[in-house]
Amino acid sequence: EYSFEILDAIETDEARYLALLPTFQDPQKMLDDSGELVIVKVGE
């Protein structure tokens, strides 16, 4: 399991998308992370 903060959402005619940022309990892991956005497509 991985935890993410939802930063933003975009909805198009075809689908809904989320921009996520990884979150960490350990502050050192947060500092070591690349900070790269994770983008996912939402389905139901």
ModelCIF file with pLDDT and N, C-alpha, C, O atoms, coordinates in Angstrom:
data_MODEL
#
_entry.id   MODEL 
#
_entity.id                         1 
_entity.type                       polymer 
_entity.pdbx_number_of_molecules   1 
#
_entity_poly.entity_id                      1 
_entity_poly.type                           'polypeptide(L)' 
_entity_poly.nstd_linkage                   no 
_entity_poly.nstd_monomer                   no 
_entity_poly.pdbx_seq_one_letter_code       EYSFEILDAIETDEARYLALLPTFQDPQKMLDDSGELVIVKVGE 
_entity_poly.pdbx_seq_one_letter_code_can   EYSFEILDAIETDEARYLALLPTFQDPQKMLDDSGELVIVKVGE 
_entity_poly.pdbx_strand_id                 A 
#
loop_
_entity_poly_seq.entity_id 
_entity_poly_seq.num 
_entity_poly_seq.mon_id 
_entity_poly_seq.hetero 
1 1  GLU n 
1 2  TYR n 
1 3  SER n 
1 4  PHE n 
1 5  GLU n 
1 6  ILE n 
1 7  LEU n 
1 8  ASP n 
1 9  ALA n 
1 10 ILE n 
1 11 GLU n 
1 12 THR n 
1 13 ASP n 
1 14 GLU n 
1 15 ALA n 
1 16 ARG n 
1 17 TYR n 
1 18 LEU n 
1 19 ALA n 
1 20 LEU n 
1 21 LEU n 
1 22 PRO n 
1 23 THR n 
1 24 PHE n 
1 25 GLN n 
1 26 ASP n 
1 27 PRO n 
1 28 GLN n 
1 29 LYS n 
1 30 MET n 
1 31 LEU n 
1 32 ASP n 
1 33 ASP n 
1 34 SER n 
1 35 GLY n 
1 36 GLU n 
1 37 LEU n 
1 38 VAL n 
1 39 ILE n 
1 40 VAL n 
1 41 LYS n 
1 42 VAL n 
1 43 GLY n 
1 44 GLU n 
#
_struct_asym.id          A 
_struct_asym.entity_id   1 
#
loop_
_ma_qa_metric.id 
_ma_qa_metric.mode 
_ma_qa_metric.name 
_ma_qa_metric.software_group_id 
_ma_qa_metric.type 
1 global pLDDT . pLDDT 
2 local  pLDDT . pLDDT 
#
_ma_qa_metric_global.metric_id      1 
_ma_qa_metric_global.metric_value   84.70 
_ma_qa_metric_global.model_id       1 
_ma_qa_metric_global.ordinal_id     1 
#
loop_
_ma_qa_metric_local.label_asym_id 
_ma_qa_metric_local.label_comp_id 
_ma_qa_metric_local.label_seq_id 
_ma_qa_metric_local.metric_id 
_ma_qa_metric_local.metric_value 
_ma_qa_metric_local.model_id 
_ma_qa_metric_local.ordinal_id 
A GLU 1  2 90.00 1 1  
A TYR 2  2 89.00 1 2  
A SER 3  2 90.00 1 3  
A PHE 4  2 92.00 1 4  
A GLU 5  2 91.00 1 5  
A ILE 6  2 93.00 1 6  
A LEU 7  2 91.00 1 7  
A ASP 8  2 93.00 1 8  
A ALA 9  2 94.00 1 9  
A ILE 10 2 95.00 1 10 
A GLU 11 2 94.00 1 11 
A THR 12 2 91.00 1 12 
A ASP 13 2 90.00 1 13 
A GLU 14 2 86.00 1 14 
A ALA 15 2 92.00 1 15 
A ARG 16 2 95.00 1 16 
A TYR 17 2 97.00 1 17 
A LEU 18 2 96.00 1 18 
A ALA 19 2 94.00 1 19 
A LEU 20 2 93.00 1 20 
A LEU 21 2 89.00 1 21 
A PRO 22 2 87.00 1 22 
A THR 23 2 87.00 1 23 
A PHE 24 2 78.00 1 24 
A GLN 25 2 74.00 1 25 
A ASP 26 2 70.00 1 26 
A PRO 27 2 67.00 1 27 
A GLN 28 2 69.00 1 28 
A LYS 29 2 67.00 1 29 
A MET 30 2 63.00 1 30 
A LEU 31 2 60.00 1 31 
A ASP 32 2 67.00 1 32 
A ASP 33 2 63.00 1 33 
A SER 34 2 65.00 1 34 
A GLY 35 2 65.00 1 35 
A GLU 36 2 77.00 1 36 
A LEU 37 2 83.00 1 37 
A VAL 38 2 90.00 1 38 
A ILE 39 2 94.00 1 39 
A VAL 40 2 95.00 1 40 
A LYS 41 2 96.00 1 41 
A VAL 42 2 95.00 1 42 
A GLY 43 2 91.00 1 43 
A GLU 44 2 89.00 1 44 
#
loop_
_atom_site.group_PDB 
_atom_site.id 
_atom_site.type_symbol 
_atom_site.label_atom_id 
_atom_site.label_alt_id 
_atom_site.label_comp_id 
_atom_site.label_asym_id 
_atom_site.label_entity_id 
_atom_site.label_seq_id 
_atom_site.pdbx_PDB_ins_code 
_atom_site.Cartn_x 
_atom_site.Cartn_y 
_atom_site.Cartn_z 
_atom_site.occupancy 
_atom_site.B_iso_or_equiv 
_atom_site.pdbx_formal_charge 
_atom_site.auth_seq_id 
_atom_site.auth_comp_id 
_atom_site.auth_asym_id 
_atom_site.auth_atom_id 
_atom_site.pdbx_PDB_model_num 
ATOM 1   N N  . GLU A 1 1  ? 0.814   -1.205 0.000   1.00 90.00 ? 1  GLU A N  1 
ATOM 2   C CA . GLU A 1 1  ? 0.000   0.000  0.000   1.00 90.00 ? 1  GLU A CA 1 
ATOM 3   C C  . GLU A 1 1  ? 0.851   1.260  0.000   1.00 90.00 ? 1  GLU A C  1 
ATOM 4   O O  . GLU A 1 1  ? 1.916   1.321  0.614   1.00 90.00 ? 1  GLU A O  1 
ATOM 5   N N  . TYR A 1 2  ? 0.342   2.268  -0.712  1.00 89.00 ? 2  TYR A N  1 
ATOM 6   C CA . TYR A 1 2  ? 0.986   3.575  -0.813  1.00 89.00 ? 2  TYR A CA 1 
ATOM 7   C C  . TYR A 1 2  ? -0.069  4.642  -0.571  1.00 89.00 ? 2  TYR A C  1 
ATOM 8   O O  . TYR A 1 2  ? -1.215  4.492  -0.996  1.00 89.00 ? 2  TYR A O  1 
ATOM 9   N N  . SER A 1 3  ? 0.309   5.714  0.109   1.00 90.00 ? 3  SER A N  1 
ATOM 10  C CA . SER A 1 3  ? -0.612  6.819  0.373   1.00 90.00 ? 3  SER A CA 1 
ATOM 11  C C  . SER A 1 3  ? -0.274  7.996  -0.530  1.00 90.00 ? 3  SER A C  1 
ATOM 12  O O  . SER A 1 3  ? 0.893   8.292  -0.784  1.00 90.00 ? 3  SER A O  1 
ATOM 13  N N  . PHE A 1 4  ? -1.321  8.660  -1.008  1.00 92.00 ? 4  PHE A N  1 
ATOM 14  C CA . PHE A 1 4  ? -1.167  9.797  -1.897  1.00 92.00 ? 4  PHE A CA 1 
ATOM 15  C C  . PHE A 1 4  ? -2.109  10.912 -1.486  1.00 92.00 ? 4  PHE A C  1 
ATOM 16  O O  . PHE A 1 4  ? -3.209  10.669 -0.989  1.00 92.00 ? 4  PHE A O  1 
ATOM 17  N N  . GLU A 1 5  ? -1.656  12.147 -1.704  1.00 91.00 ? 5  GLU A N  1 
ATOM 18  C CA . GLU A 1 5  ? -2.517  13.308 -1.544  1.00 91.00 ? 5  GLU A CA 1 
ATOM 19  C C  . GLU A 1 5  ? -3.073  13.651 -2.920  1.00 91.00 ? 5  GLU A C  1 
ATOM 20  O O  . GLU A 1 5  ? -2.328  13.726 -3.897  1.00 91.00 ? 5  GLU A O  1 
ATOM 21  N N  . ILE A 1 6  ? -4.381  13.859 -2.991  1.00 93.00 ? 6  ILE A N  1 
ATOM 22  C CA . ILE A 1 6  ? -5.001  14.275 -4.245  1.00 93.00 ? 6  ILE A CA 1 
ATOM 23  C C  . ILE A 1 6  ? -4.784  15.781 -4.384  1.00 93.00 ? 6  ILE A C  1 
ATOM 24  O O  . ILE A 1 6  ? -5.291  16.570 -3.587  1.00 93.00 ? 6  ILE A O  1 
ATOM 25  N N  . LEU A 1 7  ? -4.022  16.167 -5.411  1.00 91.00 ? 7  LEU A N  1 
ATOM 26  C CA . LEU A 1 7  ? -3.730  17.579 -5.636  1.00 91.00 ? 7  LEU A CA 1 
ATOM 27  C C  . LEU A 1 7  ? -4.759  18.248 -6.532  1.00 91.00 ? 7  LEU A C  1 
ATOM 28  O O  . LEU A 1 7  ? -5.100  19.413 -6.331  1.00 91.00 ? 7  LEU A O  1 
ATOM 29  N N  . ASP A 1 8  ? -5.258  17.506 -7.530  1.00 93.00 ? 8  ASP A N  1 
ATOM 30  C CA . ASP A 1 8  ? -6.174  18.099 -8.494  1.00 93.00 ? 8  ASP A CA 1 
ATOM 31  C C  . ASP A 1 8  ? -6.909  16.986 -9.228  1.00 93.00 ? 8  ASP A C  1 
ATOM 32  O O  . ASP A 1 8  ? -6.485  15.831 -9.218  1.00 93.00 ? 8  ASP A O  1 
ATOM 33  N N  . ALA A 1 9  ? -8.010  17.350 -9.861  1.00 94.00 ? 9  ALA A N  1 
ATOM 34  C CA . ALA A 1 9  ? -8.791  16.417 -10.674 1.00 94.00 ? 9  ALA A CA 1 
ATOM 35  C C  . ALA A 1 9  ? -9.202  17.126 -11.951 1.00 94.00 ? 9  ALA A C  1 
ATOM 36  O O  . ALA A 1 9  ? -9.517  18.317 -11.947 1.00 94.00 ? 9  ALA A O  1 
ATOM 37  N N  . ILE A 1 10 ? -9.195  16.376 -13.040 1.00 95.00 ? 10 ILE A N  1 
ATOM 38  C CA . ILE A 1 10 ? -9.650  16.879 -14.332 1.00 95.00 ? 10 ILE A CA 1 
ATOM 39  C C  . ILE A 1 10 ? -10.681 15.896 -14.857 1.00 95.00 ? 10 ILE A C  1 
ATOM 40  O O  . ILE A 1 10 ? -10.482 14.681 -14.822 1.00 95.00 ? 10 ILE A O  1 
ATOM 41  N N  . GLU A 1 11 ? -11.779 16.442 -15.342 1.00 94.00 ? 11 GLU A N  1 
ATOM 42  C CA . GLU A 1 11 ? -12.799 15.605 -15.949 1.00 94.00 ? 11 GLU A CA 1 
ATOM 43  C C  . GLU A 1 11 ? -12.957 16.006 -17.408 1.00 94.00 ? 11 GLU A C  1 
ATOM 44  O O  . GLU A 1 11 ? -13.150 17.180 -17.722 1.00 94.00 ? 11 GLU A O  1 
ATOM 45  N N  . THR A 1 12 ? -12.875 15.023 -18.294 1.00 91.00 ? 12 THR A N  1 
ATOM 46  C CA . THR A 1 12 ? -13.069 15.254 -19.719 1.00 91.00 ? 12 THR A CA 1 
ATOM 47  C C  . THR A 1 12 ? -14.350 14.531 -20.139 1.00 91.00 ? 12 THR A C  1 
ATOM 48  O O  . THR A 1 12 ? -15.024 13.914 -19.314 1.00 91.00 ? 12 THR A O  1 
ATOM 49  N N  . ASP A 1 13 ? -14.675 14.615 -21.414 1.00 90.00 ? 13 ASP A N  1 
ATOM 50  C CA . ASP A 1 13 ? -15.840 13.885 -21.918 1.00 90.00 ? 13 ASP A CA 1 
ATOM 51  C C  . ASP A 1 13 ? -15.640 12.377 -21.817 1.00 90.00 ? 13 ASP A C  1 
ATOM 52  O O  . ASP A 1 13 ? -16.603 11.617 -21.709 1.00 90.00 ? 13 ASP A O  1 
ATOM 53  N N  . GLU A 1 14 ? -14.364 11.949 -21.854 1.00 86.00 ? 14 GLU A N  1 
ATOM 54  C CA . GLU A 1 14 ? -14.064 10.520 -21.853 1.00 86.00 ? 14 GLU A CA 1 
ATOM 55  C C  . GLU A 1 14 ? -13.831 9.931  -20.465 1.00 86.00 ? 14 GLU A C  1 
ATOM 56  O O  . GLU A 1 14 ? -14.188 8.780  -20.214 1.00 86.00 ? 14 GLU A O  1 
ATOM 57  N N  . ALA A 1 15 ? -13.232 10.713 -19.556 1.00 92.00 ? 15 ALA A N  1 
ATOM 58  C CA . ALA A 1 15 ? -12.840 10.135 -18.270 1.00 92.00 ? 15 ALA A CA 1 
ATOM 59  C C  . ALA A 1 15 ? -12.525 11.217 -17.242 1.00 92.00 ? 15 ALA A C  1 
ATOM 60  O O  . ALA A 1 15 ? -12.530 12.412 -17.540 1.00 92.00 ? 15 ALA A O  1 
ATOM 61  N N  . ARG A 1 16 ? -12.252 10.759 -16.027 1.00 95.00 ? 16 ARG A N  1 
ATOM 62  C CA . ARG A 1 16 ? -11.820 11.624 -14.930 1.00 95.00 ? 16 ARG A CA 1 
ATOM 63  C C  . ARG A 1 16 ? -10.411 11.187 -14.539 1.00 95.00 ? 16 ARG A C  1 
ATOM 64  O O  . ARG A 1 16 ? -10.097 9.996  -14.531 1.00 95.00 ? 16 ARG A O  1 
ATOM 65  N N  . TYR A 1 17 ? -9.560  12.175 -14.214 1.00 97.00 ? 17 TYR A N  1 
ATOM 66  C CA . TYR A 1 17 ? -8.166  11.916 -13.884 1.00 97.00 ? 17 TYR A CA 1 
ATOM 67  C C  . TYR A 1 17 ? -7.809  12.617 -12.584 1.00 97.00 ? 17 TYR A C  1 
ATOM 68  O O  . TYR A 1 17 ? -8.379  13.654 -12.244 1.00 97.00 ? 17 TYR A O  1 
ATOM 69  N N  . LEU A 1 18 ? -6.853  12.032 -11.859 1.00 96.00 ? 18 LEU A N  1 
ATOM 70  C CA . LEU A 1 18 ? -6.366  12.635 -10.618 1.00 96.00 ? 18 LEU A CA 1 
ATOM 71  C C  . LEU A 1 18 ? -4.860  12.826 -10.686 1.00 96.00 ? 18 LEU A C  1 
ATOM 72  O O  . LEU A 1 18 ? -4.134  11.977 -11.203 1.00 96.00 ? 18 LEU A O  1 
ATOM 73  N N  . ALA A 1 19 ? -4.403  13.955 -10.156 1.00 94.00 ? 19 ALA A N  1 
ATOM 74  C CA . ALA A 1 19 ? -2.970  14.188 -9.959  1.00 94.00 ? 19 ALA A CA 1 
ATOM 75  C C  . ALA A 1 19 ? -2.692  13.920 -8.485  1.00 94.00 ? 19 ALA A C  1 
ATOM 76  O O  . ALA A 1 19 ? -3.290  14.541 -7.607  1.00 94.00 ? 19 ALA A O  1 
ATOM 77  N N  . LEU A 1 20 ? -1.784  12.993 -8.227  1.00 93.00 ? 20 LEU A N  1 
ATOM 78  C CA . LEU A 1 20 ? -1.490  12.544 -6.871  1.00 93.00 ? 20 LEU A CA 1 
ATOM 79  C C  . LEU A 1 20 ? -0.033  12.828 -6.523  1.00 93.00 ? 20 LEU A C  1 
ATOM 80  O O  . LEU A 1 20 ? 0.845   12.823 -7.387  1.00 93.00 ? 20 LEU A O  1 
ATOM 81  N N  . LEU A 1 21 ? 0.199   13.072 -5.250  1.00 89.00 ? 21 LEU A N  1 
ATOM 82  C CA . LEU A 1 21 ? 1.552   13.266 -4.736  1.00 89.00 ? 21 LEU A CA 1 
ATOM 83  C C  . LEU A 1 21 ? 1.759   12.261 -3.603  1.00 89.00 ? 21 LEU A C  1 
ATOM 84  O O  . LEU A 1 21 ? 0.959   12.221 -2.668  1.00 89.00 ? 21 LEU A O  1 
ATOM 85  N N  . PRO A 1 22 ? 2.819   11.446 -3.671  1.00 87.00 ? 22 PRO A N  1 
ATOM 86  C CA . PRO A 1 22 ? 3.059   10.470 -2.597  1.00 87.00 ? 22 PRO A CA 1 
ATOM 87  C C  . PRO A 1 22 ? 3.213   11.165 -1.245  1.00 87.00 ? 22 PRO A C  1 
ATOM 88  O O  . PRO A 1 22 ? 3.788   12.249 -1.152  1.00 87.00 ? 22 PRO A O  1 
ATOM 89  N N  . THR A 1 23 ? 2.693   10.526 -0.206  1.00 87.00 ? 23 THR A N  1 
ATOM 90  C CA . THR A 1 23 ? 2.862   11.024 1.155   1.00 87.00 ? 23 THR A CA 1 
ATOM 91  C C  . THR A 1 23 ? 3.590   9.950  1.967   1.00 87.00 ? 23 THR A C  1 
ATOM 92  O O  . THR A 1 23 ? 3.512   8.759  1.665   1.00 87.00 ? 23 THR A O  1 
ATOM 93  N N  . PHE A 1 24 ? 4.294   10.400 2.997   1.00 78.00 ? 24 PHE A N  1 
ATOM 94  C CA . PHE A 1 24 ? 5.094   9.484  3.799   1.00 78.00 ? 24 PHE A CA 1 
ATOM 95  C C  . PHE A 1 24 ? 4.960   9.836  5.275   1.00 78.00 ? 24 PHE A C  1 
ATOM 96  O O  . PHE A 1 24 ? 4.843   11.007 5.633   1.00 78.00 ? 24 PHE A O  1 
ATOM 97  N N  . GLN A 1 25 ? 4.978   8.815  6.128   1.00 74.00 ? 25 GLN A N  1 
ATOM 98  C CA . GLN A 1 25 ? 4.992   9.022  7.573   1.00 74.00 ? 25 GLN A CA 1 
ATOM 99  C C  . GLN A 1 25 ? 6.385   9.461  8.024   1.00 74.00 ? 25 GLN A C  1 
ATOM 100 O O  . GLN A 1 25 ? 6.529   10.277 8.935   1.00 74.00 ? 25 GLN A O  1 
ATOM 101 N N  . ASP A 1 26 ? 7.404   8.906  7.372   1.00 70.00 ? 26 ASP A N  1 
ATOM 102 C CA . ASP A 1 26 ? 8.794   9.180  7.718   1.00 70.00 ? 26 ASP A CA 1 
ATOM 103 C C  . ASP A 1 26 ? 9.265   10.432 6.966   1.00 70.00 ? 26 ASP A C  1 
ATOM 104 O O  . ASP A 1 26 ? 9.306   10.425 5.736   1.00 70.00 ? 26 ASP A O  1 
ATOM 105 N N  . PRO A 1 27 ? 9.617   11.500 7.681   1.00 67.00 ? 27 PRO A N  1 
ATOM 106 C CA . PRO A 1 27 ? 10.068  12.733 7.017   1.00 67.00 ? 27 PRO A CA 1 
ATOM 107 C C  . PRO A 1 27 ? 11.272  12.521 6.098   1.00 67.00 ? 27 PRO A C  1 
ATOM 108 O O  . PRO A 1 27 ? 11.384  13.200 5.077   1.00 67.00 ? 27 PRO A O  1 
ATOM 109 N N  . GLN A 1 28 ? 12.167  11.602 6.435   1.00 69.00 ? 28 GLN A N  1 
ATOM 110 C CA . GLN A 1 28 ? 13.332  11.349 5.582   1.00 69.00 ? 28 GLN A CA 1 
ATOM 111 C C  . GLN A 1 28 ? 12.910  10.779 4.239   1.00 69.00 ? 28 GLN A C  1 
ATOM 112 O O  . GLN A 1 28 ? 13.475  11.141 3.207   1.00 69.00 ? 28 GLN A O  1 
ATOM 113 N N  . LYS A 1 29 ? 11.918  9.886  4.242   1.00 67.00 ? 29 LYS A N  1 
ATOM 114 C CA . LYS A 1 29 ? 11.427  9.327  2.978   1.00 67.00 ? 29 LYS A CA 1 
ATOM 115 C C  . LYS A 1 29 ? 10.802  10.421 2.115   1.00 67.00 ? 29 LYS A C  1 
ATOM 116 O O  . LYS A 1 29 ? 10.914  10.389 0.889   1.00 67.00 ? 29 LYS A O  1 
ATOM 117 N N  . MET A 1 30 ? 10.150  11.380 2.751   1.00 63.00 ? 30 MET A N  1 
ATOM 118 C CA . MET A 1 30 ? 9.563   12.494 2.012   1.00 63.00 ? 30 MET A CA 1 
ATOM 119 C C  . MET A 1 30 ? 10.673  13.312 1.343   1.00 63.00 ? 30 MET A C  1 
ATOM 120 O O  . MET A 1 30 ? 10.540  13.717 0.188   1.00 63.00 ? 30 MET A O  1 
ATOM 121 N N  . LEU A 1 31 ? 11.758  13.549 2.066   1.00 60.00 ? 31 LEU A N  1 
ATOM 122 C CA . LEU A 1 31 ? 12.880  14.303 1.507   1.00 60.00 ? 31 LEU A CA 1 
ATOM 123 C C  . LEU A 1 31 ? 13.572  13.539 0.381   1.00 60.00 ? 31 LEU A C  1 
ATOM 124 O O  . LEU A 1 31 ? 14.043  14.148 -0.579  1.00 60.00 ? 31 LEU A O  1 
ATOM 125 N N  . ASP A 1 32 ? 13.637  12.221 0.490   1.00 67.00 ? 32 ASP A N  1 
ATOM 126 C CA . ASP A 1 32 ? 14.297  11.388 -0.509  1.00 67.00 ? 32 ASP A CA 1 
ATOM 127 C C  . ASP A 1 32 ? 13.452  11.177 -1.765  1.00 67.00 ? 32 ASP A C  1 
ATOM 128 O O  . ASP A 1 32 ? 13.989  10.819 -2.813  1.00 67.00 ? 32 ASP A O  1 
ATOM 129 N N  . ASP A 1 33 ? 12.141  11.392 -1.676  1.00 63.00 ? 33 ASP A N  1 
ATOM 130 C CA . ASP A 1 33 ? 11.236  11.165 -2.806  1.00 63.00 ? 33 ASP A CA 1 
ATOM 131 C C  . ASP A 1 33 ? 11.495  12.188 -3.910  1.00 63.00 ? 33 ASP A C  1 
ATOM 132 O O  . ASP A 1 33 ? 11.909  13.315 -3.637  1.00 63.00 ? 33 ASP A O  1 
ATOM 133 N N  . SER A 1 34 ? 11.250  11.790 -5.145  1.00 65.00 ? 34 SER A N  1 
ATOM 134 C CA . SER A 1 34 ? 11.472  12.675 -6.300  1.00 65.00 ? 34 SER A CA 1 
ATOM 135 C C  . SER A 1 34 ? 10.435  13.794 -6.373  1.00 65.00 ? 34 SER A C  1 
ATOM 136 O O  . SER A 1 34 ? 10.668  14.809 -7.030  1.00 65.00 ? 34 SER A O  1 
ATOM 137 N N  . GLY A 1 35 ? 9.296   13.619 -5.705  1.00 65.00 ? 35 GLY A N  1 
ATOM 138 C CA . GLY A 1 35 ? 8.252   14.632 -5.752  1.00 65.00 ? 35 GLY A CA 1 
ATOM 139 C C  . GLY A 1 35 ? 7.480   14.619 -7.060  1.00 65.00 ? 35 GLY A C  1 
ATOM 140 O O  . GLY A 1 35 ? 6.744   15.559 -7.362  1.00 65.00 ? 35 GLY A O  1 
ATOM 141 N N  . GLU A 1 36 ? 7.646   13.560 -7.833  1.00 77.00 ? 36 GLU A N  1 
ATOM 142 C CA . GLU A 1 36 ? 7.001   13.451 -9.126  1.00 77.00 ? 36 GLU A CA 1 
ATOM 143 C C  . GLU A 1 36 ? 5.508   13.167 -8.950  1.00 77.00 ? 36 GLU A C  1 
ATOM 144 O O  . GLU A 1 36 ? 5.108   12.368 -8.103  1.00 77.00 ? 36 GLU A O  1 
ATOM 145 N N  . LEU A 1 37 ? 4.691   13.844 -9.772  1.00 83.00 ? 37 LEU A N  1 
ATOM 146 C CA . LEU A 1 37 ? 3.250   13.598 -9.743  1.00 83.00 ? 37 LEU A CA 1 
ATOM 147 C C  . LEU A 1 37 ? 2.942   12.210 -10.261 1.00 83.00 ? 37 LEU A C  1 
ATOM 148 O O  . LEU A 1 37 ? 3.601   11.710 -11.173 1.00 83.00 ? 37 LEU A O  1 
ATOM 149 N N  . VAL A 1 38 ? 1.941   11.600 -9.673  1.00 90.00 ? 38 VAL A N  1 
ATOM 150 C CA . VAL A 1 38 ? 1.402   10.343 -10.168 1.00 90.00 ? 38 VAL A CA 1 
ATOM 151 C C  . VAL A 1 38 ? 0.027   10.684 -10.730 1.00 90.00 ? 38 VAL A C  1 
ATOM 152 O O  . VAL A 1 38 ? -0.814  11.258 -10.038 1.00 90.00 ? 38 VAL A O  1 
ATOM 153 N N  . ILE A 1 39 ? -0.191  10.327 -11.988 1.00 94.00 ? 39 ILE A N  1 
ATOM 154 C CA . ILE A 1 39 ? -1.469  10.637 -12.636 1.00 94.00 ? 39 ILE A CA 1 
ATOM 155 C C  . ILE A 1 39 ? -2.183  9.332  -12.922 1.00 94.00 ? 39 ILE A C  1 
ATOM 156 O O  . ILE A 1 39 ? -1.626  8.418  -13.530 1.00 94.00 ? 39 ILE A O  1 
ATOM 157 N N  . VAL A 1 40 ? -3.435  9.260  -12.470 1.00 95.00 ? 40 VAL A N  1 
ATOM 158 C CA . VAL A 1 40 ? -4.230  8.051  -12.675 1.00 95.00 ? 40 VAL A CA 1 
ATOM 159 C C  . VAL A 1 40 ? -5.559  8.403  -13.326 1.00 95.00 ? 40 VAL A C  1 
ATOM 160 O O  . VAL A 1 40 ? -6.054  9.526  -13.232 1.00 95.00 ? 40 VAL A O  1 
ATOM 161 N N  . LYS A 1 41 ? -6.107  7.410  -13.981 1.00 96.00 ? 41 LYS A N  1 
ATOM 162 C CA . LYS A 1 41 ? -7.427  7.517  -14.605 1.00 96.00 ? 41 LYS A CA 1 
ATOM 163 C C  . LYS A 1 41 ? -8.418  6.864  -13.651 1.00 96.00 ? 41 LYS A C  1 
ATOM 164 O O  . LYS A 1 41 ? -8.147  5.797  -13.100 1.00 96.00 ? 41 LYS A O  1 
ATOM 165 N N  . VAL A 1 42 ? -9.554  7.498  -13.459 1.00 95.00 ? 42 VAL A N  1 
ATOM 166 C CA . VAL A 1 42 ? -10.563 6.987  -12.531 1.00 95.00 ? 42 VAL A CA 1 
ATOM 167 C C  . VAL A 1 42 ? -11.636 6.266  -13.331 1.00 95.00 ? 42 VAL A C  1 
ATOM 168 O O  . VAL A 1 42 ? -12.167 6.800  -14.305 1.00 95.00 ? 42 VAL A O  1 
ATOM 169 N N  . GLY A 1 43 ? -11.943 5.061  -12.913 1.00 91.00 ? 43 GLY A N  1 
ATOM 170 C CA . GLY A 1 43 ? -13.023 4.296  -13.520 1.00 91.00 ? 43 GLY A CA 1 
ATOM 171 C C  . GLY A 1 43 ? -14.014 3.899  -12.450 1.00 91.00 ? 43 GLY A C  1 
ATOM 172 O O  . GLY A 1 43 ? -13.702 3.938  -11.260 1.00 91.00 ? 43 GLY A O  1 
ATOM 173 N N  . GLU A 1 44 ? -15.202 3.519  -12.867 1.00 89.00 ? 44 GLU A N  1 
ATOM 174 C CA . GLU A 1 44 ? -16.211 3.092  -11.912 1.00 89.00 ? 44 GLU A CA 1 
ATOM 175 C C  . GLU A 1 44 ? -16.811 1.777  -12.376 1.00 89.00 ? 44 GLU A C  1 
ATOM 176 O O  . GLU A 1 44 ? -17.692 1.232  -11.712 1.00 89.00 ? 44 GLU A O  1 
#
